[in-house]
């Protein structure tokens, strides 16, 4: 297979991007909840 012409399947890229965005949103939400309840320490 020619490496120059290889393109990642579009569906995989979309699902991976959605997964990363979802993780960031969920962790951010948990972090902000923790901060609003009295902080890290």
Protein backbone atom coordinates (compact mmCIF):
# COMPACT_ATOMS: atom_id res chain seq x y z
CA UNK A 1 0.00 0.00 0.00
CA UNK A 2 1.23 3.48 -0.88
CA UNK A 3 1.67 5.52 2.31
CA UNK A 4 1.28 8.86 0.51
CA UNK A 5 -2.24 8.14 -0.71
CA UNK A 6 -3.47 6.45 2.49
CA UNK A 7 -6.32 8.27 4.21
CA UNK A 8 -7.85 7.30 7.55
CA UNK A 9 -11.47 6.18 7.30
CA UNK A 10 -13.70 9.20 7.92
CA UNK A 11 -16.07 7.42 10.32
CA UNK A 12 -13.20 6.42 12.59
CA UNK A 13 -11.89 9.99 12.71
CA UNK A 14 -15.36 11.34 13.55
CA UNK A 15 -15.99 8.77 16.30
CA UNK A 16 -12.54 9.34 17.81
CA UNK A 17 -13.05 13.12 17.78
CA UNK A 18 -16.47 12.79 19.41
CA UNK A 19 -15.01 10.47 22.06
CA UNK A 20 -12.21 12.92 22.90
CA UNK A 21 -14.62 15.87 23.06
CA UNK A 22 -16.97 13.87 25.30
CA UNK A 23 -14.12 12.97 27.67
CA UNK A 24 -12.99 16.60 27.90
CA UNK A 25 -16.55 17.79 28.61
CA UNK A 26 -17.18 15.14 31.26
CA UNK A 27 -13.87 15.73 33.04
CA UNK A 28 -14.37 19.50 32.86
CA UNK A 29 -17.85 19.14 34.34
CA UNK A 30 -16.57 16.96 37.18
CA UNK A 31 -13.73 19.39 37.87
CA UNK A 32 -16.01 22.43 37.95
CA UNK A 33 -18.43 20.59 40.25
CA UNK A 34 -15.55 19.76 42.57
CA UNK A 35 -14.38 23.38 42.57
CA UNK A 36 -17.87 24.68 43.29
CA UNK A 37 -18.16 22.32 46.29
CA UNK A 38 -15.10 23.60 48.02
CA UNK A 39 -12.02 23.20 45.91
CA UNK A 40 -9.22 20.75 45.49
CA UNK A 41 -7.66 20.86 48.94
